[in-house]
Amino acid sequence: MGKKRKHSEANVPEPTKKDSDAPERPKRTLLGWKDPAPADTKESSPIFRNKEKVLITCSRRISYRYRHLMLSVVSLLPHAKKDNKVESKESKGATLNELVELKNCSSCLFFECRKQKDLYIWMAKCPNGPSVKFLVNAVHTMEELKLTGNHLKGSRPILTFSANFDKDLHWKLLKEMITQIFGTPKEQRKSKPYYDHVFAFSIVDDHIWFRNYQISVPHNESDKVDRGGLDKITLVEVGPRFCLNPIKIFGGSFGGPTLYENPFYVSPNQIRALEKKNKAGKYARKVKAKTRRKRHELENPLEVGEFADMWKE
């Protein structure tokens, strides 16, 4: 057999180094050529992203109307998380703060029911505060009202506040807390990128009144609303309705130093005691009137008439 010829090793040229100043060749993708992103020489500043999440829970022995109100609020807030009932004790603050941390939330709405009659709402920023305690009055759930308004579930709301919120410091603090808790963050996972309803918060008689309205826009070709034309837009109420009476504002989460106390607040127990006292006074007045009438009859007896004994025979 013939011997294999030895190939002389060819001098392989060294690869030329790319010039650092030369522009980078664009990459090809399925959708075409992709230009390289411009390199930022300066360090980009961190972008704030709202990751607000609200834990909504209630106390044990809550009545069905207040539970329906809580479920209505949960359905209105796509960034809310619902949890099991919590025992309403003095140590509920530590328990709720731990639950908020476990659920990876930053705020909490706690519906506390007492005597199956009175509903209190705790609105807290966890774990450092502040927190507010409200008494809830004039509760009307969606099932009770049966209004004609309707909007998409999970859509983002527009928050509106009356001009009274800018008068005092405690109203400004409440406005900021309500904005953070009830405002749906942008690009939230469960939310839809639409604004089709309005949350209206207004102050009347030192109470915060809540209303929810649908933004109704005509969709006919002839009545289509132009950009900037707000004349044909109407608001239709959806529900629920409730009224918040602020009691105290605390510096911490579910406690801490008292920042504000409502001087006009009267507890429901005092109101019921006064009503009971008035009813008891009414009964006592009736008894006194009866005894007075009997005494008057004994002191002033009727004279016997001429014909009193006519029919006895």
C-alpha atoms as a PDB file:
ATOM      1  CA  MET A   1       0.000   0.000   0.000  1.00  0.00           C
ATOM      2  CA  GLY A   2       1.085   3.447  -0.763  1.00  0.00           C
ATOM      3  CA  LYS A   3       2.061   5.750   2.017  1.00  0.00           C
ATOM      4  CA  LYS A   4      -0.128   8.698   2.826  1.00  0.00           C
ATOM      5  CA  ARG A   5       1.299  11.960   1.793  1.00  0.00           C
ATOM      6  CA  LYS A   6       1.957  14.287   4.614  1.00  0.00           C
ATOM      7  CA  HIS A   7       0.063  17.547   4.199  1.00  0.00           C
ATOM      8  CA  SER A   8       2.029  20.537   5.077  1.00  0.00           C
ATOM      9  CA  GLU A   9       0.450  22.558   7.779  1.00  0.00           C
ATOM     10  CA  ALA A  10      -1.074  25.578   6.153  1.00  0.00           C
ATOM     11  CA  ASN A  11      -0.460  28.837   7.813  1.00  0.00           C
ATOM     12  CA  VAL A  12      -3.884  29.748   9.201  1.00  0.00           C
ATOM     13  CA  PRO A  13      -4.300  33.519   9.373  1.00  0.00           C
ATOM     14  CA  GLU A  14      -5.151  34.883  12.775  1.00  0.00           C
ATOM     15  CA  PRO A  15      -8.718  36.248  13.069  1.00  0.00           C
ATOM     16  CA  THR A  16      -8.790  39.957  12.886  1.00  0.00           C
ATOM     17  CA  LYS A  17     -10.036  41.653  15.993  1.00  0.00           C
ATOM     18  CA  LYS A  18     -13.182  43.662  15.667  1.00  0.00           C
ATOM     19  CA  ASP A  19     -12.791  47.316  15.898  1.00  0.00           C
ATOM     20  CA  SER A  20     -14.413  48.528  19.096  1.00  0.00           C
ATOM     21  CA  ASP A  21     -15.558  51.669  17.315  1.00  0.00           C
ATOM     22  CA  ALA A  22     -17.351  49.780  14.540  1.00  0.00           C
ATOM     23  CA  PRO A  23     -21.163  49.604  14.839  1.00  0.00           C
ATOM     24  CA  GLU A  24     -22.578  46.276  15.983  1.00  0.00           C
ATOM     25  CA  ARG A  25     -24.295  44.241  13.294  1.00  0.00           C
ATOM     26  CA  PRO A  26     -28.059  44.006  13.822  1.00  0.00           C
ATOM     27  CA  LYS A  27     -29.511  40.627  14.774  1.00  0.00           C
ATOM     28  CA  ARG A  28     -32.114  38.934  12.648  1.00  0.00           C
ATOM     29  CA  THR A  29     -35.397  37.770  14.255  1.00  0.00           C
ATOM     30  CA  LEU A  30     -38.557  36.160  12.963  1.00  0.00           C
ATOM     31  CA  LEU A  31     -40.140  39.568  12.549  1.00  0.00           C
ATOM     32  CA  GLY A  32     -37.209  41.159  10.753  1.00  0.00           C
ATOM     33  CA  TRP A  33     -33.965  42.821  11.651  1.00  0.00           C
ATOM     34  CA  LYS A  34     -33.565  43.931  15.225  1.00  0.00           C
ATOM     35  CA  ASP A  35     -31.532  47.040  15.857  1.00  0.00           C
ATOM     36  CA  PRO A  36     -29.298  46.990  18.934  1.00  0.00           C
ATOM     37  CA  ALA A  37     -30.585  48.930  21.895  1.00  0.00           C
ATOM     38  CA  PRO A  38     -28.724  52.173  22.521  1.00  0.00           C
ATOM     39  CA  ALA A  39     -26.298  51.784  25.366  1.00  0.00           C
ATOM     40  CA  ASP A  40     -26.856  54.268  28.168  1.00  0.00           C
ATOM     41  CA  THR A  41     -23.622  55.688  29.397  1.00  0.00           C
ATOM     42  CA  LYS A  42     -25.253  57.054  32.550  1.00  0.00           C
ATOM     43  CA  GLU A  43     -26.710  54.822  35.208  1.00  0.00           C
ATOM     44  CA  SER A  44     -30.479  54.587  34.753  1.00  0.00           C
ATOM     45  CA  SER A  45     -32.463  55.776  37.780  1.00  0.00           C
ATOM     46  CA  PRO A  46     -34.681  53.111  39.406  1.00  0.00           C
ATOM     47  CA  ILE A  47     -38.288  53.298  38.222  1.00  0.00           C
ATOM     48  CA  PHE A  48     -40.972  53.244  40.925  1.00  0.00           C
ATOM     49  CA  ARG A  49     -43.550  50.519  40.409  1.00  0.00           C
ATOM     50  CA  ASN A  50     -46.690  50.436  42.518  1.00  0.00           C
ATOM     51  CA  LYS A  51     -47.057  46.933  43.993  1.00  0.00           C
ATOM     52  CA  GLU A  52     -49.877  47.723  46.396  1.00  0.00           C
ATOM     53  CA  LYS A  53     -51.810  44.682  47.663  1.00  0.00           C
ATOM     54  CA  VAL A  54     -54.627  44.808  50.197  1.00  0.00           C
ATOM     55  CA  LEU A  55     -55.585  42.054  52.613  1.00  0.00           C
ATOM     56  CA  ILE A  56     -59.343  42.060  53.359  1.00  0.00           C
ATOM     57  CA  THR A  57     -60.673  39.998  56.239  1.00  0.00           C
ATOM     58  CA  CYS A  58     -63.335  40.136  58.934  1.00  0.00           C
ATOM     59  CA  SER A  59     -63.955  39.122  62.524  1.00  0.00           C
ATOM     60  CA  ARG A  60     -65.902  36.105  63.688  1.00  0.00           C
ATOM     61  CA  ARG A  61     -69.682  36.283  64.320  1.00  0.00           C
ATOM     62  CA  ILE A  62     -70.151  38.886  61.585  1.00  0.00           C
ATOM     63  CA  SER A  63     -73.724  39.350  60.323  1.00  0.00           C
ATOM     64  CA  TYR A  64     -74.692  38.402  56.778  1.00  0.00           C
ATOM     65  CA  ARG A  65     -75.261  42.015  55.596  1.00  0.00           C
ATOM     66  CA  TYR A  66     -71.797  43.107  56.645  1.00  0.00           C
ATOM     67  CA  ARG A  67     -70.278  39.965  55.124  1.00  0.00           C
ATOM     68  CA  HIS A  68     -71.999  40.776  51.815  1.00  0.00           C
ATOM     69  CA  LEU A  69     -70.577  44.302  52.026  1.00  0.00           C
ATOM     70  CA  MET A  70     -67.072  42.884  52.512  1.00  0.00           C
ATOM     71  CA  LEU A  71     -67.481  40.580  49.498  1.00  0.00           C
ATOM     72  CA  SER A  72     -68.696  43.527  47.405  1.00  0.00           C
ATOM     73  CA  VAL A  73     -65.557  45.482  48.326  1.00  0.00           C
ATOM     74  CA  VAL A  74     -63.395  42.440  47.462  1.00  0.00           C
ATOM     75  CA  SER A  75     -65.015  42.217  44.017  1.00  0.00           C
ATOM     76  CA  LEU A  76     -64.361  45.938  43.410  1.00  0.00           C
ATOM     77  CA  LEU A  77     -60.613  45.723  44.190  1.00  0.00           C
ATOM     78  CA  PRO A  78     -58.676  43.390  41.846  1.00  0.00           C
ATOM     79  CA  HIS A  79     -55.498  43.873  43.909  1.00  0.00           C
ATOM     80  CA  ALA A  80     -57.194  42.578  47.092  1.00  0.00           C
ATOM     81  CA  LYS A  81     -56.629  39.241  48.803  1.00  0.00           C
ATOM     82  CA  LYS A  82     -59.253  37.640  51.020  1.00  0.00           C
ATOM     83  CA  ASP A  83     -58.385  35.618  54.101  1.00  0.00           C
ATOM     84  CA  ASN A  84     -60.132  33.632  56.828  1.00  0.00           C
ATOM     85  CA  LYS A  85     -61.900  35.222  59.780  1.00  0.00           C
ATOM     86  CA  VAL A  86     -59.837  36.546  62.675  1.00  0.00           C
ATOM     87  CA  GLU A  87     -60.862  36.567  66.333  1.00  0.00           C
ATOM     88  CA  SER A  88     -61.564  40.129  67.484  1.00  0.00           C
ATOM     89  CA  LYS A  89     -59.377  40.419  70.583  1.00  0.00           C
ATOM     90  CA  GLU A  90     -56.815  42.827  71.954  1.00  0.00           C
ATOM     91  CA  SER A  91     -54.049  40.858  70.199  1.00  0.00           C
ATOM     92  CA  LYS A  92     -55.694  41.113  66.761  1.00  0.00           C
ATOM     93  CA  GLY A  93     -53.158  43.735  65.662  1.00  0.00           C
ATOM     94  CA  ALA A  94     -50.184  41.368  65.905  1.00  0.00           C
ATOM     95  CA  THR A  95     -52.166  38.585  64.228  1.00  0.00           C
ATOM     96  CA  LEU A  96     -53.238  40.800  61.338  1.00  0.00           C
ATOM     97  CA  ASN A  97     -49.728  42.194  60.838  1.00  0.00           C
ATOM     98  CA  GLU A  98     -48.397  38.639  60.626  1.00  0.00           C
ATOM     99  CA  LEU A  99     -51.122  37.681  58.137  1.00  0.00           C
ATOM    100  CA  VAL A 100     -50.347  40.715  55.989  1.00  0.00           C
ATOM    101  CA  GLU A 101     -46.676  39.767  55.921  1.00  0.00           C
ATOM    102  CA  LEU A 102     -47.469  36.148  55.040  1.00  0.00           C
ATOM    103  CA  LYS A 103     -49.769  37.208  52.198  1.00  0.00           C
ATOM    104  CA  ASN A 104     -47.126  39.634  50.870  1.00  0.00           C
ATOM    105  CA  CYS A 105     -49.472  42.624  51.213  1.00  0.00           C
ATOM    106  CA  SER A 106     -48.828  46.211  52.235  1.00  0.00           C
ATOM    107  CA  SER A 107     -52.283  47.299  53.498  1.00  0.00           C
ATOM    108  CA  CYS A 108     -55.203  45.809  55.373  1.00  0.00           C
ATOM    109  CA  LEU A 109     -58.983  46.310  55.570  1.00  0.00           C
ATOM    110  CA  PHE A 110     -60.415  44.625  58.652  1.00  0.00           C
ATOM    111  CA  PHE A 111     -64.202  44.419  59.087  1.00  0.00           C
ATOM    112  CA  GLU A 112     -64.869  44.110  62.811  1.00  0.00           C
ATOM    113  CA  CYS A 113     -68.441  43.345  63.936  1.00  0.00           C
ATOM    114  CA  ARG A 114     -69.496  43.780  67.558  1.00  0.00           C
ATOM    115  CA  LYS A 115     -72.751  42.558  69.172  1.00  0.00           C
ATOM    116  CA  GLN A 116     -73.857  41.568  65.639  1.00  0.00           C
ATOM    117  CA  LYS A 117     -75.079  45.152  65.271  1.00  0.00           C
ATOM    118  CA  ASP A 118     -72.151  47.550  64.931  1.00  0.00           C
ATOM    119  CA  LEU A 119     -69.583  47.392  62.117  1.00  0.00           C
ATOM    120  CA  TYR A 120     -66.130  48.948  62.438  1.00  0.00           C
ATOM    121  CA  ILE A 121     -63.578  49.109  59.616  1.00  0.00           C
ATOM    122  CA  TRP A 122     -59.860  49.238  60.328  1.00  0.00           C
ATOM    123  CA  MET A 123     -57.830  50.737  57.482  1.00  0.00           C
ATOM    124  CA  ALA A 124     -54.119  50.178  58.112  1.00  0.00           C
ATOM    125  CA  LYS A 125     -50.762  50.420  56.367  1.00  0.00           C
ATOM    126  CA  CYS A 126     -48.666  47.507  57.549  1.00  0.00           C
ATOM    127  CA  PRO A 127     -46.384  47.028  59.357  1.00  0.00           C
ATOM    128  CA  ASN A 128     -45.429  50.587  60.368  1.00  0.00           C
ATOM    129  CA  GLY A 129     -48.786  52.404  60.151  1.00  0.00           C
ATOM    130  CA  PRO A 130     -50.671  54.656  60.239  1.00  0.00           C
ATOM    131  CA  SER A 131     -54.110  53.125  60.823  1.00  0.00           C
ATOM    132  CA  VAL A 132     -57.656  54.475  61.088  1.00  0.00           C
ATOM    133  CA  LYS A 133     -60.729  53.117  62.831  1.00  0.00           C
ATOM    134  CA  PHE A 134     -64.130  53.907  61.289  1.00  0.00           C
ATOM    135  CA  LEU A 135     -67.706  53.280  62.371  1.00  0.00           C
ATOM    136  CA  VAL A 136     -69.788  52.203  59.369  1.00  0.00           C
ATOM    137  CA  ASN A 137     -73.339  53.514  58.953  1.00  0.00           C
ATOM    138  CA  ALA A 138     -75.988  53.471  56.201  1.00  0.00           C
ATOM    139  CA  VAL A 139     -74.859  50.157  54.700  1.00  0.00           C
ATOM    140  CA  HIS A 140     -76.522  49.105  51.428  1.00  0.00           C
ATOM    141  CA  THR A 141     -75.063  46.131  49.559  1.00  0.00           C
ATOM    142  CA  MET A 142     -75.323  45.398  45.836  1.00  0.00           C
ATOM    143  CA  GLU A 143     -77.908  42.668  46.473  1.00  0.00           C
ATOM    144  CA  GLU A 144     -80.202  45.094  48.290  1.00  0.00           C
ATOM    145  CA  LEU A 145     -79.992  48.015  45.892  1.00  0.00           C
ATOM    146  CA  LYS A 146     -80.417  46.191  42.546  1.00  0.00           C
ATOM    147  CA  LEU A 147     -79.267  49.248  40.603  1.00  0.00           C
ATOM    148  CA  THR A 148     -78.989  49.345  36.815  1.00  0.00           C
ATOM    149  CA  GLY A 149     -75.303  50.266  36.686  1.00  0.00           C
ATOM    150  CA  ASN A 150     -72.753  47.665  35.623  1.00  0.00           C
ATOM    151  CA  HIS A 151     -69.038  47.724  34.887  1.00  0.00           C
ATOM    152  CA  LEU A 152     -66.279  45.265  34.097  1.00  0.00           C
ATOM    153  CA  LYS A 153     -64.930  43.243  36.962  1.00  0.00           C
ATOM    154  CA  GLY A 154     -61.279  44.051  37.525  1.00  0.00           C
ATOM    155  CA  SER A 155     -61.273  47.384  35.698  1.00  0.00           C
ATOM    156  CA  ARG A 156     -59.415  50.306  37.246  1.00  0.00           C
ATOM    157  CA  PRO A 157     -61.451  53.006  39.029  1.00  0.00           C
ATOM    158  CA  ILE A 158     -61.126  56.787  38.926  1.00  0.00           C
ATOM    159  CA  LEU A 159     -60.987  58.145  42.490  1.00  0.00           C
ATOM    160  CA  THR A 160     -62.744  61.464  43.114  1.00  0.00           C
ATOM    161  CA  PHE A 161     -62.667  63.432  46.366  1.00  0.00           C
ATOM    162  CA  SER A 162     -64.652  66.444  47.480  1.00  0.00           C
ATOM    163  CA  ALA A 163     -62.876  69.731  48.167  1.00  0.00           C
ATOM    164  CA  ASN A 164     -63.267  69.246  51.951  1.00  0.00           C
ATOM    165  CA  PHE A 165     -60.402  66.754  51.998  1.00  0.00           C
ATOM    166  CA  ASP A 166     -57.863  69.560  51.530  1.00  0.00           C
ATOM    167  CA  LYS A 167     -58.981  71.622  54.531  1.00  0.00           C
ATOM    168  CA  ASP A 168     -57.557  69.836  57.578  1.00  0.00           C
ATOM    169  CA  LEU A 169     -54.510  67.658  58.107  1.00  0.00           C
ATOM    170  CA  HIS A 170     -56.406  64.559  59.224  1.00  0.00           C
ATOM    171  CA  TRP A 171     -58.599  64.701  56.088  1.00  0.00           C
ATOM    172  CA  LYS A 172     -55.449  64.941  53.936  1.00  0.00           C
ATOM    173  CA  LEU A 173     -54.030  61.863  55.666  1.00  0.00           C
ATOM    174  CA  LEU A 174     -57.289  59.946  55.132  1.00  0.00           C
ATOM    175  CA  LYS A 175     -57.326  60.984  51.476  1.00  0.00           C
ATOM    176  CA  GLU A 176     -53.811  59.640  50.944  1.00  0.00           C
ATOM    177  CA  MET A 177     -54.629  56.335  52.675  1.00  0.00           C
ATOM    178  CA  ILE A 178     -57.851  55.880  50.671  1.00  0.00           C
ATOM    179  CA  THR A 179     -55.964  56.652  47.443  1.00  0.00           C
ATOM    180  CA  GLN A 180     -53.338  54.013  48.167  1.00  0.00           C
ATOM    181  CA  ILE A 181     -55.791  51.315  49.297  1.00  0.00           C
ATOM    182  CA  PHE A 182     -58.673  51.783  46.836  1.00  0.00           C
ATOM    183  CA  GLY A 183     -56.571  52.777  43.816  1.00  0.00           C
ATOM    184  CA  THR A 184     -55.704  49.813  41.584  1.00  0.00           C
ATOM    185  CA  PRO A 185     -51.995  49.778  40.594  1.00  0.00           C
ATOM    186  CA  LYS A 186     -51.086  50.120  36.938  1.00  0.00           C
ATOM    187  CA  GLU A 187     -50.448  46.823  35.099  1.00  0.00           C
ATOM    188  CA  GLN A 188     -51.666  44.816  38.068  1.00  0.00           C
ATOM    189  CA  ARG A 189     -51.929  41.117  37.257  1.00  0.00           C
ATOM    190  CA  LYS A 190     -55.690  40.738  37.752  1.00  0.00           C
ATOM    191  CA  SER A 191     -56.728  44.196  36.580  1.00  0.00           C
ATOM    192  CA  LYS A 192     -57.907  45.345  33.168  1.00  0.00           C
ATOM    193  CA  PRO A 193     -56.475  48.498  31.540  1.00  0.00           C
ATOM    194  CA  TYR A 194     -59.830  50.291  31.402  1.00  0.00           C
ATOM    195  CA  TYR A 195     -61.375  53.142  33.339  1.00  0.00           C
ATOM    196  CA  ASP A 196     -65.118  52.506  33.290  1.00  0.00           C
ATOM    197  CA  HIS A 197     -66.243  53.400  36.835  1.00  0.00           C
ATOM    198  CA  VAL A 198     -65.731  56.084  39.464  1.00  0.00           C
ATOM    199  CA  PHE A 199     -65.261  55.826  43.243  1.00  0.00           C
ATOM    200  CA  ALA A 200     -66.689  59.004  44.794  1.00  0.00           C
ATOM    201  CA  PHE A 201     -65.644  59.975  48.343  1.00  0.00           C
ATOM    202  CA  SER A 202     -67.368  63.049  49.775  1.00  0.00           C
ATOM    203  CA  ILE A 203     -67.428  64.588  53.259  1.00  0.00           C
ATOM    204  CA  VAL A 204     -70.846  65.554  54.660  1.00  0.00           C
ATOM    205  CA  ASP A 205     -71.367  66.249  58.395  1.00  0.00           C
ATOM    206  CA  ASP A 206     -67.827  64.982  59.184  1.00  0.00           C
ATOM    207  CA  HIS A 207     -68.669  61.610  57.613  1.00  0.00           C
ATOM    208  CA  ILE A 208     -67.128  60.076  54.478  1.00  0.00           C
ATOM    209  CA  TRP A 209     -69.816  58.900  52.055  1.00  0.00           C
ATOM    210  CA  PHE A 210     -68.852  56.290  49.438  1.00  0.00           C
ATOM    211  CA  ARG A 211     -70.552  55.855  46.056  1.00  0.00           C
ATOM    212  CA  ASN A 212     -69.629  53.763  43.003  1.00  0.00           C
ATOM    213  CA  TYR A 213     -70.725  54.942  39.533  1.00  0.00           C
ATOM    214  CA  GLN A 214     -70.406  53.420  36.078  1.00  0.00           C
ATOM    215  CA  ILE A 215     -69.220  55.707  33.265  1.00  0.00           C
ATOM    216  CA  SER A 216     -71.883  55.225  30.599  1.00  0.00           C
ATOM    217  CA  VAL A 217     -70.932  56.232  27.038  1.00  0.00           C
ATOM    218  CA  PRO A 218     -73.291  55.886  23.995  1.00  0.00           C
ATOM    219  CA  HIS A 219     -71.955  53.446  21.390  1.00  0.00           C
ATOM    220  CA  ASN A 220     -74.266  54.226  18.446  1.00  0.00           C
ATOM    221  CA  GLU A 221     -72.539  55.560  15.351  1.00  0.00           C
ATOM    222  CA  SER A 222     -74.636  58.712  15.384  1.00  0.00           C
ATOM    223  CA  ASP A 223     -74.191  59.355  19.122  1.00  0.00           C
ATOM    224  CA  LYS A 224     -70.540  58.347  19.373  1.00  0.00           C
ATOM    225  CA  VAL A 225     -68.616  60.602  21.755  1.00  0.00           C
ATOM    226  CA  ASP A 226     -65.731  62.505  20.237  1.00  0.00           C
ATOM    227  CA  ARG A 227     -62.445  62.823  22.024  1.00  0.00           C
ATOM    228  CA  GLY A 228     -62.842  65.437  24.719  1.00  0.00           C
ATOM    229  CA  GLY A 229     -66.624  65.566  24.387  1.00  0.00           C
ATOM    230  CA  LEU A 230     -67.986  64.919  27.882  1.00  0.00           C
ATOM    231  CA  ASP A 231     -71.502  66.243  27.293  1.00  0.00           C
ATOM    232  CA  LYS A 232     -73.040  62.864  26.446  1.00  0.00           C
ATOM    233  CA  ILE A 233     -71.229  60.875  29.172  1.00  0.00           C
ATOM    234  CA  THR A 234     -73.469  59.938  32.109  1.00  0.00           C
ATOM    235  CA  LEU A 235     -72.900  58.280  35.480  1.00  0.00           C
ATOM    236  CA  VAL A 236     -75.051  55.327  36.577  1.00  0.00           C
ATOM    237  CA  GLU A 237     -74.774  54.137  40.176  1.00  0.00           C
ATOM    238  CA  VAL A 238     -73.651  50.556  40.725  1.00  0.00           C
ATOM    239  CA  GLY A 239     -73.247  50.147  44.497  1.00  0.00           C
ATOM    240  CA  PRO A 240     -72.511  49.406  47.271  1.00  0.00           C
ATOM    241  CA  ARG A 241     -73.178  52.366  49.549  1.00  0.00           C
ATOM    242  CA  PHE A 242     -71.773  53.018  53.000  1.00  0.00           C
ATOM    243  CA  CYS A 243     -70.798  55.873  55.292  1.00  0.00           C
ATOM    244  CA  LEU A 244     -67.555  56.035  57.283  1.00  0.00           C
ATOM    245  CA  ASN A 245     -67.405  57.906  60.593  1.00  0.00           C
ATOM    246  CA  PRO A 246     -63.729  58.336  61.634  1.00  0.00           C
ATOM    247  CA  ILE A 247     -63.111  57.583  65.307  1.00  0.00           C
ATOM    248  CA  LYS A 248     -59.329  57.642  65.802  1.00  0.00           C
ATOM    249  CA  ILE A 249     -56.136  57.797  63.752  1.00  0.00           C
ATOM    250  CA  PHE A 250     -53.213  55.857  65.205  1.00  0.00           C
ATOM    251  CA  GLY A 251     -49.516  56.248  64.458  1.00  0.00           C
ATOM    252  CA  GLY A 252     -48.849  52.506  64.229  1.00  0.00           C
ATOM    253  CA  SER A 253     -50.531  49.554  62.592  1.00  0.00           C
ATOM    254  CA  PHE A 254     -53.698  48.680  64.581  1.00  0.00           C
ATOM    255  CA  GLY A 255     -52.500  50.737  67.514  1.00  0.00           C
ATOM    256  CA  GLY A 256     -49.812  53.104  68.688  1.00  0.00           C
ATOM    257  CA  PRO A 257     -49.944  56.792  69.592  1.00  0.00           C
ATOM    258  CA  THR A 258     -53.201  58.599  68.851  1.00  0.00           C
ATOM    259  CA  LEU A 259     -52.699  61.196  66.108  1.00  0.00           C
ATOM    260  CA  TYR A 260     -56.333  62.357  65.911  1.00  0.00           C
ATOM    261  CA  GLU A 261     -59.539  61.716  67.849  1.00  0.00           C
ATOM    262  CA  ASN A 262     -62.966  62.727  66.592  1.00  0.00           C
ATOM    263  CA  PRO A 263     -64.562  65.062  69.195  1.00  0.00           C
ATOM    264  CA  PHE A 264     -68.063  64.568  67.717  1.00  0.00           C
ATOM    265  CA  TYR A 265     -68.045  60.770  67.871  1.00  0.00           C
ATOM    266  CA  VAL A 266     -70.737  59.088  69.981  1.00  0.00           C
ATOM    267  CA  SER A 267     -70.545  55.329  70.370  1.00  0.00           C
ATOM    268  CA  PRO A 268     -73.566  53.200  69.393  1.00  0.00           C
ATOM    269  CA  ASN A 269     -73.734  51.854  72.970  1.00  0.00           C
ATOM    270  CA  GLN A 270     -74.358  55.357  74.317  1.00  0.00           C
ATOM    271  CA  ILE A 271     -77.049  55.971  71.691  1.00  0.00           C
ATOM    272  CA  ARG A 272     -78.822  52.724  72.602  1.00  0.00           C
ATOM    273  CA  ALA A 273     -78.552  53.539  76.330  1.00  0.00           C
ATOM    274  CA  LEU A 274     -80.155  56.951  75.758  1.00  0.00           C
ATOM    275  CA  GLU A 275     -82.970  55.409  73.724  1.00  0.00           C
ATOM    276  CA  LYS A 276     -83.562  52.818  76.440  1.00  0.00           C
ATOM    277  CA  LYS A 277     -83.559  55.541  79.087  1.00  0.00           C
ATOM    278  CA  ASN A 278     -86.102  57.566  77.127  1.00  0.00           C
ATOM    279  CA  LYS A 279     -88.349  54.527  76.790  1.00  0.00           C
ATOM    280  CA  ALA A 280     -88.021  53.824  80.514  1.00  0.00           C
ATOM    281  CA  GLY A 281     -88.920  57.438  81.273  1.00  0.00           C
ATOM    282  CA  LYS A 282     -92.006  57.156  79.088  1.00  0.00           C
ATOM    283  CA  TYR A 283     -93.227  54.121  81.060  1.00  0.00           C
ATOM    284  CA  ALA A 284     -92.521  55.868  84.383  1.00  0.00           C
ATOM    285  CA  ARG A 285     -94.573  58.862  83.231  1.00  0.00           C
ATOM    286  CA  LYS A 286     -97.483  56.548  82.384  1.00  0.00           C
ATOM    287  CA  VAL A 287     -97.409  54.972  85.875  1.00  0.00           C
ATOM    288  CA  LYS A 288     -97.306  58.386  87.548  1.00  0.00           C
ATOM    289  CA  ALA A 289    -100.270  59.569  85.471  1.00  0.00           C
ATOM    290  CA  LYS A 290    -102.332  56.518  86.516  1.00  0.00           C
ATOM    291  CA  THR A 291    -101.630  57.011  90.237  1.00  0.00           C
ATOM    292  CA  ARG A 292    -102.391  60.721  89.917  1.00  0.00           C
ATOM    293  CA  ARG A 293    -105.732  59.938  88.259  1.00  0.00           C
ATOM    294  CA  LYS A 294    -106.719  57.442  90.986  1.00  0.00           C
ATOM    295  CA  ARG A 295    -105.833  59.927  93.725  1.00  0.00           C
ATOM    296  CA  HIS A 296    -107.908  62.589  92.004  1.00  0.00           C
ATOM    297  CA  GLU A 297    -110.926  60.234  91.776  1.00  0.00           C
ATOM    298  CA  LEU A 298    -110.671  59.387  95.482  1.00  0.00           C
ATOM    299  CA  GLU A 299    -110.365  63.018  96.524  1.00  0.00           C
ATOM    300  CA  ASN A 300    -113.232  64.198  94.300  1.00  0.00           C
ATOM    301  CA  PRO A 301    -115.954  61.505  94.351  1.00  0.00           C
ATOM    302  CA  LEU A 302    -119.036  61.941  92.173  1.00  0.00           C
ATOM    303  CA  GLU A 303    -122.287  62.999  93.856  1.00  0.00           C
ATOM    304  CA  VAL A 304    -125.176  60.501  93.874  1.00  0.00           C
ATOM    305  CA  GLY A 305    -127.858  61.568  91.356  1.00  0.00           C
ATOM    306  CA  GLU A 306    -131.619  61.771  91.909  1.00  0.00           C
ATOM    307  CA  PHE A 307    -132.431  58.863  89.657  1.00  0.00           C
ATOM    308  CA  ALA A 308    -129.600  56.547  90.745  1.00  0.00           C
ATOM    309  CA  ASP A 309    -131.946  54.126  92.580  1.00  0.00           C
ATOM    310  CA  MET A 310    -134.820  54.303  90.085  1.00  0.00           C
ATOM    311  CA  TRP A 311    -134.260  50.945  88.402  1.00  0.00           C
ATOM    312  CA  LYS A 312    -133.164  48.977  91.463  1.00  0.00           C
ATOM    313  CA  GLU A 313    -136.716  48.121  92.411  1.00  0.00           C
END
